[in-house]
C-alpha cells in the first residue's frame, strides 16, 4: 500500500467522492477486509457493499490481497491501494487552474492555482516514474514562522525572494544539453489551525 497516490481519471475521482465509497476506502486503508466484514461497519447489505467494492476495484482504488473460504462461500479480502488519495486537477482538465493566466504573487487565488499545478505535475511525474519503474528525485521544505508584524512579513518575503533569486541565477544552466529543468515553488500563507477558517488580514 502506498502512503499517498494521485487520482487523475475523472471517473475514478467521481467514484472516490461518493460518500459510501469514500467510507469503504477509509475502512480498507486501515486494513484488509471482506464485503461481509465491511457490511457490518457501514450498515449496508453485503451485496450492496460488493457492488461498491467492484466499482472501486475497477478504477484501481482497492485491490485483492487474498481469499478465504467461509462455509460454501469464498470471501475476497480487499484493501485500499493507498492510505490517502489526492485528486489531480487533471480530473477536471477543461477547467483546471492555470497560474500562467495571471501572475499576482500577493494573490491567495494565484497561490491556489500554483498549488494545483504542483499537485498535477508531481502526480503526473509519480505516475510516469511508477510505469517506468524509476525513482523520482524531489525535495520539499516545510516549516512555520510567526511574524511580529506585517512589516516583518514583508521584509521576510523580500529577503526570501532575493535569496532564492540569487540561487537560481547561480545554478541556472539553460544552455546545458544534458541538464534537466526543475520547477521551484515557495509559498507563504497563514497557518490553518484545526481545519478552521484562517485568520483574515488584520495588520
C-alpha atoms as a PDB file:
ATOM      1  CA  UNK A   1       0.000   0.000   0.000  1.00  0.00           C
ATOM      2  CA  UNK A   2       1.256   3.448  -0.928  1.00  0.00           C
ATOM      3  CA  UNK A   3       1.247   6.285   1.595  1.00  0.00           C
ATOM      4  CA  UNK A   4      -0.448   8.639  -0.872  1.00  0.00           C
ATOM      5  CA  UNK A   5      -1.417   8.375  -4.516  1.00  0.00           C
ATOM      6  CA  UNK A   6      -2.936  10.683  -7.093  1.00  0.00           C
ATOM      7  CA  UNK A   7      -6.245  10.232  -8.903  1.00  0.00           C
ATOM      8  CA  UNK A   8      -6.071  11.648 -12.433  1.00  0.00           C
ATOM      9  CA  UNK A   9      -9.017   9.911 -14.105  1.00  0.00           C
ATOM     10  CA  UNK A  10     -12.349  11.820 -13.882  1.00  0.00           C
ATOM     11  CA  UNK A  11     -14.390   8.638 -13.410  1.00  0.00           C
ATOM     12  CA  UNK A  12     -12.090   7.409 -10.650  1.00  0.00           C
ATOM     13  CA  UNK A  13     -12.391  10.802  -8.953  1.00  0.00           C
ATOM     14  CA  UNK A  14     -16.188  10.607  -9.106  1.00  0.00           C
ATOM     15  CA  UNK A  15     -16.111   7.089  -7.653  1.00  0.00           C
ATOM     16  CA  UNK A  16     -13.864   8.150  -4.781  1.00  0.00           C
ATOM     17  CA  UNK A  17     -16.065  11.128  -3.885  1.00  0.00           C
ATOM     18  CA  UNK A  18     -19.191   9.040  -3.383  1.00  0.00           C
ATOM     19  CA  UNK A  19     -19.798   9.154   0.405  1.00  0.00           C
ATOM     20  CA  UNK A  20     -20.325   5.397   0.793  1.00  0.00           C
ATOM     21  CA  UNK A  21     -17.304   4.504  -1.328  1.00  0.00           C
ATOM     22  CA  UNK A  22     -15.178   7.076   0.482  1.00  0.00           C
ATOM     23  CA  UNK A  23     -16.171   5.387   3.763  1.00  0.00           C
ATOM     24  CA  UNK A  24     -15.223   1.988   2.345  1.00  0.00           C
ATOM     25  CA  UNK A  25     -11.873   3.396   1.203  1.00  0.00           C
ATOM     26  CA  UNK A  26     -11.221   4.697   4.695  1.00  0.00           C
ATOM     27  CA  UNK A  27     -12.040   1.302   6.231  1.00  0.00           C
ATOM     28  CA  UNK A  28      -9.819  -0.526   3.736  1.00  0.00           C
ATOM     29  CA  UNK A  29      -6.966   1.917   4.294  1.00  0.00           C
ATOM     30  CA  UNK A  30      -6.960   0.726   7.915  1.00  0.00           C
ATOM     31  CA  UNK A  31      -6.562  -2.895   6.867  1.00  0.00           C
ATOM     32  CA  UNK A  32      -7.849  -5.664   4.567  1.00  0.00           C
ATOM     33  CA  UNK A  33     -11.483  -6.683   4.882  1.00  0.00           C
ATOM     34  CA  UNK A  34     -14.170  -8.644   3.057  1.00  0.00           C
ATOM     35  CA  UNK A  35     -17.560  -7.382   1.919  1.00  0.00           C
ATOM     36  CA  UNK A  36     -19.137  -9.231   4.847  1.00  0.00           C
ATOM     37  CA  UNK A  37     -16.818  -7.578   7.354  1.00  0.00           C
ATOM     38  CA  UNK A  38     -17.440  -4.149   5.834  1.00  0.00           C
ATOM     39  CA  UNK A  39     -21.205  -4.596   5.689  1.00  0.00           C
ATOM     40  CA  UNK A  40     -21.470  -4.576   9.474  1.00  0.00           C
ATOM     41  CA  UNK A  41     -19.284  -1.482   9.769  1.00  0.00           C
ATOM     42  CA  UNK A  42     -21.082   0.660   7.200  1.00  0.00           C
ATOM     43  CA  UNK A  43     -24.598  -0.649   7.796  1.00  0.00           C
ATOM     44  CA  UNK A  44     -25.261  -1.965   4.289  1.00  0.00           C
ATOM     45  CA  UNK A  45     -26.140  -5.401   2.885  1.00  0.00           C
ATOM     46  CA  UNK A  46     -23.144  -7.464   1.747  1.00  0.00           C
ATOM     47  CA  UNK A  47     -24.380  -7.435  -1.847  1.00  0.00           C
ATOM     48  CA  UNK A  48     -24.504  -3.629  -1.844  1.00  0.00           C
ATOM     49  CA  UNK A  49     -21.002  -3.438  -0.400  1.00  0.00           C
ATOM     50  CA  UNK A  50     -19.789  -5.843  -3.092  1.00  0.00           C
ATOM     51  CA  UNK A  51     -21.260  -3.565  -5.755  1.00  0.00           C
ATOM     52  CA  UNK A  52     -19.341  -0.570  -4.408  1.00  0.00           C
ATOM     53  CA  UNK A  53     -16.130  -2.576  -3.983  1.00  0.00           C
ATOM     54  CA  UNK A  54     -16.242  -3.667  -7.624  1.00  0.00           C
ATOM     55  CA  UNK A  55     -16.546  -0.034  -8.706  1.00  0.00           C
ATOM     56  CA  UNK A  56     -13.556   0.923  -6.541  1.00  0.00           C
ATOM     57  CA  UNK A  57     -11.544  -2.053  -7.814  1.00  0.00           C
ATOM     58  CA  UNK A  58     -12.359  -1.242 -11.438  1.00  0.00           C
ATOM     59  CA  UNK A  59     -10.714   2.155 -11.003  1.00  0.00           C
ATOM     60  CA  UNK A  60      -7.666   0.866  -9.118  1.00  0.00           C
ATOM     61  CA  UNK A  61      -8.623   2.332  -5.753  1.00  0.00           C
ATOM     62  CA  UNK A  62      -8.800  -1.032  -3.978  1.00  0.00           C
ATOM     63  CA  UNK A  63      -7.078  -4.334  -4.713  1.00  0.00           C
ATOM     64  CA  UNK A  64      -7.428  -8.014  -3.906  1.00  0.00           C
ATOM     65  CA  UNK A  65      -4.949  -9.218  -1.276  1.00  0.00           C
ATOM     66  CA  UNK A  66      -6.308 -12.679  -0.550  1.00  0.00           C
ATOM     67  CA  UNK A  67      -9.210 -15.088  -0.439  1.00  0.00           C
ATOM     68  CA  UNK A  68     -10.606 -17.299   2.289  1.00  0.00           C
ATOM     69  CA  UNK A  69     -13.274 -19.959   2.494  1.00  0.00           C
ATOM     70  CA  UNK A  70     -16.197 -19.349   4.812  1.00  0.00           C
ATOM     71  CA  UNK A  71     -18.611 -22.260   4.570  1.00  0.00           C
ATOM     72  CA  UNK A  72     -19.575 -22.641   0.932  1.00  0.00           C
ATOM     73  CA  UNK A  73     -18.542 -19.086   0.106  1.00  0.00           C
ATOM     74  CA  UNK A  74     -15.139 -17.771  -0.923  1.00  0.00           C
ATOM     75  CA  UNK A  75     -14.615 -14.314   0.557  1.00  0.00           C
ATOM     76  CA  UNK A  76     -12.379 -11.834  -1.215  1.00  0.00           C
ATOM     77  CA  UNK A  77     -10.169  -9.760   1.080  1.00  0.00           C
ATOM     78  CA  UNK A  78      -9.680  -6.261  -0.278  1.00  0.00           C
ATOM     79  CA  UNK A  79      -7.523  -3.343   0.782  1.00  0.00           C
ATOM     80  CA  UNK A  80      -7.086   0.247  -0.359  1.00  0.00           C
ATOM     81  CA  UNK A  81      -4.223   0.824  -2.786  1.00  0.00           C
ATOM     82  CA  UNK A  82      -3.128   3.849  -0.724  1.00  0.00           C
ATOM     83  CA  UNK A  83      -3.538   5.254   2.769  1.00  0.00           C
ATOM     84  CA  UNK A  84      -4.708   8.543   1.269  1.00  0.00           C
ATOM     85  CA  UNK A  85      -5.616   9.983  -2.109  1.00  0.00           C
ATOM     86  CA  UNK A  86      -5.196  13.328  -3.846  1.00  0.00           C
ATOM     87  CA  UNK A  87      -7.398  14.287  -6.787  1.00  0.00           C
ATOM     88  CA  UNK A  88      -5.346  15.892  -9.547  1.00  0.00           C
ATOM     89  CA  UNK A  89      -6.659  18.927 -11.455  1.00  0.00           C
ATOM     90  CA  UNK A  90      -6.357  16.635 -14.493  1.00  0.00           C
ATOM     91  CA  UNK A  91      -9.640  15.098 -13.320  1.00  0.00           C
ATOM     92  CA  UNK A  92     -11.206  18.454 -14.288  1.00  0.00           C
ATOM     93  CA  UNK A  93      -8.824  19.139 -17.147  1.00  0.00           C
ATOM     94  CA  UNK A  94     -11.115  21.556 -19.023  1.00  0.00           C
ATOM     95  CA  UNK A  95     -11.384  23.894 -16.017  1.00  0.00           C
ATOM     96  CA  UNK A  96      -8.133  23.234 -14.160  1.00  0.00           C
ATOM     97  CA  UNK A  97      -6.386  26.339 -12.748  1.00  0.00           C
ATOM     98  CA  UNK A  98      -3.755  27.976 -14.930  1.00  0.00           C
ATOM     99  CA  UNK A  99      -1.294  30.097 -12.909  1.00  0.00           C
ATOM    100  CA  UNK A 100       0.147  31.475 -16.154  1.00  0.00           C
ATOM    101  CA  UNK A 101      -3.176  33.163 -16.927  1.00  0.00           C
ATOM    102  CA  UNK A 102      -2.256  35.910 -14.500  1.00  0.00           C
ATOM    103  CA  UNK A 103       0.592  36.377 -12.071  1.00  0.00           C
ATOM    104  CA  UNK A 104      -0.008  38.107  -8.764  1.00  0.00           C
ATOM    105  CA  UNK A 105       2.392  36.992  -6.047  1.00  0.00           C
ATOM    106  CA  UNK A 106       0.190  38.562  -3.374  1.00  0.00           C
ATOM    107  CA  UNK A 107      -2.996  36.819  -4.526  1.00  0.00           C
ATOM    108  CA  UNK A 108      -4.225  33.836  -2.495  1.00  0.00           C
ATOM    109  CA  UNK A 109      -6.096  32.575  -5.560  1.00  0.00           C
ATOM    110  CA  UNK A 110      -2.916  32.669  -7.642  1.00  0.00           C
ATOM    111  CA  UNK A 111      -1.174  30.703  -4.868  1.00  0.00           C
ATOM    112  CA  UNK A 112      -4.027  28.183  -5.049  1.00  0.00           C
ATOM    113  CA  UNK A 113      -3.537  27.879  -8.822  1.00  0.00           C
ATOM    114  CA  UNK A 114       0.199  27.323  -8.313  1.00  0.00           C
ATOM    115  CA  UNK A 115      -0.560  24.669  -5.697  1.00  0.00           C
ATOM    116  CA  UNK A 116      -2.988  22.947  -8.055  1.00  0.00           C
ATOM    117  CA  UNK A 117      -0.345  22.880 -10.779  1.00  0.00           C
ATOM    118  CA  UNK A 118       2.098  21.379  -8.259  1.00  0.00           C
ATOM    119  CA  UNK A 119      -0.375  18.583  -7.471  1.00  0.00           C
ATOM    120  CA  UNK A 120      -0.978  17.986 -11.180  1.00  0.00           C
ATOM    121  CA  UNK A 121       2.669  17.958 -12.204  1.00  0.00           C
ATOM    122  CA  UNK A 122       4.015  15.883  -9.315  1.00  0.00           C
ATOM    123  CA  UNK A 123       1.110  13.471  -9.706  1.00  0.00           C
ATOM    124  CA  UNK A 124       1.945  13.004 -13.383  1.00  0.00           C
ATOM    125  CA  UNK A 125       5.636  12.538 -12.550  1.00  0.00           C
ATOM    126  CA  UNK A 126       4.787   9.894  -9.935  1.00  0.00           C
ATOM    127  CA  UNK A 127       2.561   8.067 -12.423  1.00  0.00           C
ATOM    128  CA  UNK A 128       5.273   8.163 -15.097  1.00  0.00           C
ATOM    129  CA  UNK A 129       8.015   7.067 -12.707  1.00  0.00           C
ATOM    130  CA  UNK A 130       5.889   4.153 -11.476  1.00  0.00           C
ATOM    131  CA  UNK A 131       5.248   2.969 -15.033  1.00  0.00           C
ATOM    132  CA  UNK A 132       8.958   3.227 -15.870  1.00  0.00           C
ATOM    133  CA  UNK A 133       9.898   1.694 -12.509  1.00  0.00           C
ATOM    134  CA  UNK A 134      12.268   4.546 -11.814  1.00  0.00           C
ATOM    135  CA  UNK A 135      12.880   6.708  -8.762  1.00  0.00           C
ATOM    136  CA  UNK A 136      11.707  10.301  -8.845  1.00  0.00           C
ATOM    137  CA  UNK A 137      14.081  12.941  -7.467  1.00  0.00           C
ATOM    138  CA  UNK A 138      12.150  15.577  -5.497  1.00  0.00           C
ATOM    139  CA  UNK A 139      12.658  17.812  -2.464  1.00  0.00           C
ATOM    140  CA  UNK A 140      10.306  19.727  -0.204  1.00  0.00           C
ATOM    141  CA  UNK A 141      10.896  22.186   2.607  1.00  0.00           C
ATOM    142  CA  UNK A 142       8.104  22.752   5.103  1.00  0.00           C
ATOM    143  CA  UNK A 143       8.135  24.961   8.172  1.00  0.00           C
ATOM    144  CA  UNK A 144       6.312  27.632  10.148  1.00  0.00           C
ATOM    145  CA  UNK A 145       7.273  31.113  11.276  1.00  0.00           C
ATOM    146  CA  UNK A 146       5.435  33.669  13.417  1.00  0.00           C
ATOM    147  CA  UNK A 147       5.872  37.253  12.271  1.00  0.00           C
ATOM    148  CA  UNK A 148       5.658  40.033  14.848  1.00  0.00           C
ATOM    149  CA  UNK A 149       4.140  42.413  12.299  1.00  0.00           C
ATOM    150  CA  UNK A 150       3.087  42.819   8.690  1.00  0.00           C
ATOM    151  CA  UNK A 151       6.288  44.808   8.144  1.00  0.00           C
ATOM    152  CA  UNK A 152       8.383  41.846   9.307  1.00  0.00           C
ATOM    153  CA  UNK A 153       6.469  39.549   6.965  1.00  0.00           C
ATOM    154  CA  UNK A 154       7.078  41.913   4.051  1.00  0.00           C
ATOM    155  CA  UNK A 155      10.800  42.102   4.888  1.00  0.00           C
ATOM    156  CA  UNK A 156      10.978  38.304   5.125  1.00  0.00           C
ATOM    157  CA  UNK A 157       9.377  37.889   1.709  1.00  0.00           C
ATOM    158  CA  UNK A 158      11.745  40.469   0.227  1.00  0.00           C
ATOM    159  CA  UNK A 159      14.796  38.644   1.627  1.00  0.00           C
ATOM    160  CA  UNK A 160      13.377  35.267   0.594  1.00  0.00           C
ATOM    161  CA  UNK A 161      12.807  36.482  -2.960  1.00  0.00           C
ATOM    162  CA  UNK A 162      16.312  37.909  -3.166  1.00  0.00           C
ATOM    163  CA  UNK A 163      17.908  34.778  -1.718  1.00  0.00           C
ATOM    164  CA  UNK A 164      16.070  32.314  -3.944  1.00  0.00           C
ATOM    165  CA  UNK A 165      16.602  34.569  -6.946  1.00  0.00           C
ATOM    166  CA  UNK A 166      20.349  34.604  -6.279  1.00  0.00           C
ATOM    167  CA  UNK A 167      20.440  30.800  -6.065  1.00  0.00           C
ATOM    168  CA  UNK A 168      18.524  30.495  -9.331  1.00  0.00           C
ATOM    169  CA  UNK A 169      20.931  32.835 -11.088  1.00  0.00           C
ATOM    170  CA  UNK A 170      23.891  30.933  -9.631  1.00  0.00           C
ATOM    171  CA  UNK A 171      22.812  27.447 -10.677  1.00  0.00           C
ATOM    172  CA  UNK A 172      20.660  28.032 -13.749  1.00  0.00           C
ATOM    173  CA  UNK A 173      22.348  26.489 -16.805  1.00  0.00           C
ATOM    174  CA  UNK A 174      19.914  26.982 -19.696  1.00  0.00           C
ATOM    175  CA  UNK A 175      22.467  26.024 -22.353  1.00  0.00           C
ATOM    176  CA  UNK A 176      23.492  22.697 -20.800  1.00  0.00           C
ATOM    177  CA  UNK A 177      22.459  19.916 -23.187  1.00  0.00           C
ATOM    178  CA  UNK A 178      22.289  17.181 -20.548  1.00  0.00           C
ATOM    179  CA  UNK A 179      20.612  19.332 -17.937  1.00  0.00           C
ATOM    180  CA  UNK A 180      17.039  18.869 -16.730  1.00  0.00           C
ATOM    181  CA  UNK A 181      14.600  21.660 -15.972  1.00  0.00           C
ATOM    182  CA  UNK A 182      13.143  21.869 -12.452  1.00  0.00           C
ATOM    183  CA  UNK A 183      10.288  23.989 -11.133  1.00  0.00           C
ATOM    184  CA  UNK A 184      10.716  25.842  -7.830  1.00  0.00           C
ATOM    185  CA  UNK A 185       7.691  26.723  -5.708  1.00  0.00           C
ATOM    186  CA  UNK A 186       7.980  28.723  -2.486  1.00  0.00           C
ATOM    187  CA  UNK A 187       4.774  29.627  -0.649  1.00  0.00           C
ATOM    188  CA  UNK A 188       3.994  31.769   2.375  1.00  0.00           C
ATOM    189  CA  UNK A 189       0.476  31.732   3.855  1.00  0.00           C
ATOM    190  CA  UNK A 190      -1.218  31.910   7.269  1.00  0.00           C
ATOM    191  CA  UNK A 191      -1.220  28.618   9.149  1.00  0.00           C
ATOM    192  CA  UNK A 192      -4.581  26.845   9.276  1.00  0.00           C
ATOM    193  CA  UNK A 193      -5.392  25.659  12.801  1.00  0.00           C
ATOM    194  CA  UNK A 194      -7.664  22.632  13.299  1.00  0.00           C
ATOM    195  CA  UNK A 195      -9.164  22.976   9.804  1.00  0.00           C
ATOM    196  CA  UNK A 196     -10.926  26.200  10.806  1.00  0.00           C
ATOM    197  CA  UNK A 197     -11.121  29.323   8.695  1.00  0.00           C
ATOM    198  CA  UNK A 198      -7.707  31.056   8.680  1.00  0.00           C
ATOM    199  CA  UNK A 199      -7.456  34.494  10.185  1.00  0.00           C
ATOM    200  CA  UNK A 200      -8.146  37.304   7.763  1.00  0.00           C
ATOM    201  CA  UNK A 201      -5.565  40.011   7.236  1.00  0.00           C
ATOM    202  CA  UNK A 202      -5.723  42.465  10.128  1.00  0.00           C
ATOM    203  CA  UNK A 203      -2.307  44.063  10.106  1.00  0.00           C
END
